Amino acid sequence: MSIQFDPQLSTLFSALGDTTRLLILDELRKREHQTLFELCARLFEEHSITISRQGITRHLNTLEQAGLITTTWRGRTKIHTLLSAPISDAINPWVELYSQGDTI
C-alpha cells in the first residue's frame, strides 16, 4: 500500500502546523458553532492568547481553506464549525501504512 500525493494534504498539514490554529480547532471540538467573538473570548480565557480579531480571522481562513472548518451565516453573524473528517481521512492511511510495517 502506498499513499498518493494529494496537494490538499499539504494544505491540511500546513494548517495543522500552527499552535493557535490547533487551539482554535480544540475549542471548536469542545463546542461547535462558535462566532469569532466567542472564539476570541475562549482563546483568551482558556489559553491566555491575546490576538486581534483580524489575526484570528486569518487563522480561521487558513483552517477553512484546508477543509478543517466550515462557516455558515445566521443573519449578520458568521458561525464556525469543526469538520473532523479531513483529519481522519488524512491520518488514517498513514496509520494503516505504518501499522502494517510497510515503508514509503
Protein backbone atom coordinates (compact mmCIF):
# COMPACT_ATOMS: atom_id res chain seq x y z
CA MET A 1 0.00 0.00 0.00
CA SER A 2 1.33 3.42 -0.88
CA ILE A 3 -0.02 6.89 -0.27
CA GLN A 4 -0.87 9.00 -3.30
CA PHE A 5 0.30 12.63 -3.28
CA ASP A 6 -2.57 15.00 -2.68
CA PRO A 7 -1.93 18.77 -2.75
CA GLN A 8 -4.82 19.23 -0.30
CA LEU A 9 -2.91 17.05 2.16
CA SER A 10 -0.04 19.55 2.16
CA THR A 11 -2.51 22.38 2.84
CA LEU A 12 -4.06 20.37 5.66
CA PHE A 13 -0.76 19.64 7.38
CA SER A 14 0.37 23.25 6.97
CA ALA A 15 -2.84 24.39 8.65
CA LEU A 16 -2.27 21.93 11.50
CA GLY A 17 1.31 23.16 11.94
CA ASP A 18 0.37 26.23 13.98
CA THR A 19 -0.32 26.15 17.72
CA THR A 20 -3.01 28.85 17.61
CA ARG A 21 -4.89 27.02 14.86
CA LEU A 22 -4.71 23.78 16.86
CA LEU A 23 -6.18 25.61 19.86
CA ILE A 24 -8.97 27.01 17.68
CA LEU A 25 -9.78 23.50 16.44
CA ASP A 26 -9.76 22.23 20.02
CA GLU A 27 -12.18 24.95 21.10
CA LEU A 28 -14.48 24.09 18.19
CA ARG A 29 -14.23 20.41 19.18
CA LYS A 30 -15.33 21.29 22.71
CA ARG A 31 -18.25 23.38 21.49
CA GLU A 32 -19.45 23.60 17.90
CA HIS A 33 -20.99 26.58 16.12
CA GLN A 34 -18.96 29.45 17.59
CA THR A 35 -18.72 33.02 16.40
CA LEU A 36 -15.48 34.95 16.00
CA PHE A 37 -16.23 36.80 19.24
CA GLU A 38 -16.77 33.53 21.12
CA LEU A 39 -13.54 32.05 19.78
CA CYS A 40 -11.54 35.16 20.70
CA ALA A 41 -13.00 35.06 24.21
CA ARG A 42 -12.30 31.32 24.61
CA LEU A 43 -8.71 31.67 23.43
CA PHE A 44 -8.14 34.46 25.94
CA GLU A 45 -9.97 32.81 28.85
CA GLU A 46 -8.68 29.27 28.39
CA HIS A 47 -5.22 29.85 26.89
CA SER A 48 -4.31 33.49 27.69
CA ILE A 49 -3.87 34.18 23.98
CA THR A 50 -4.23 37.85 23.15
CA ILE A 51 -4.53 38.15 19.41
CA SER A 52 -6.56 40.59 17.34
CA ARG A 53 -9.85 39.62 15.75
CA GLN A 54 -8.12 40.07 12.38
CA GLY A 55 -5.40 37.62 13.44
CA ILE A 56 -7.97 35.03 14.48
CA THR A 57 -9.82 35.62 11.21
CA ARG A 58 -6.64 34.87 9.24
CA HIS A 59 -6.23 31.62 11.17
CA LEU A 60 -9.89 30.74 10.56
CA ASN A 61 -9.48 31.42 6.83
CA THR A 62 -6.48 29.07 6.72
CA LEU A 63 -8.46 26.37 8.52
CA GLU A 64 -11.41 26.83 6.15
CA GLN A 65 -9.16 26.64 3.06
CA ALA A 66 -7.71 23.40 4.43
CA GLY A 67 -11.23 21.99 4.80
CA LEU A 68 -10.98 21.74 8.59
CA ILE A 69 -13.84 24.09 9.40
CA THR A 70 -16.98 25.26 7.70
CA THR A 71 -18.84 28.51 8.09
CA THR A 72 -22.48 29.46 7.87
CA TRP A 73 -24.27 32.73 8.34
CA ARG A 74 -27.06 33.40 10.82
CA GLY A 75 -28.22 36.83 9.86
CA ARG A 76 -25.12 39.01 10.09
CA THR A 77 -23.24 36.53 12.30
CA LYS A 78 -20.71 34.07 10.88
CA ILE A 79 -20.69 30.70 12.63
CA HIS A 80 -17.65 28.38 12.59
CA THR A 81 -17.93 24.59 12.86
CA LEU A 82 -15.25 21.88 13.03
CA LEU A 83 -15.04 19.26 10.28
CA SER A 84 -13.08 16.35 11.72
CA ALA A 85 -13.36 14.04 8.69
CA PRO A 86 -10.46 15.66 6.77
CA ILE A 87 -8.11 14.96 9.69
CA SER A 88 -9.22 11.32 9.90
CA ASP A 89 -9.09 10.89 6.13
CA ALA A 90 -5.54 12.27 6.03
CA ILE A 91 -4.11 10.44 9.03
CA ASN A 92 -5.77 7.01 8.73
CA PRO A 93 -3.84 5.97 5.58
CA TRP A 94 -0.57 6.83 7.34
CA VAL A 95 -1.55 4.87 10.45
CA GLU A 96 -2.58 1.87 8.35
CA LEU A 97 0.62 2.01 6.32
CA TYR A 98 2.90 2.05 9.35
CA SER A 99 0.86 -0.43 11.38
CA GLN A 100 1.40 -2.94 8.57
CA GLY A 101 5.15 -2.42 8.79
CA ASP A 102 5.50 -1.05 5.24
CA THR A 103 7.83 1.78 4.44
CA ILE A 104 7.37 4.59 1.98
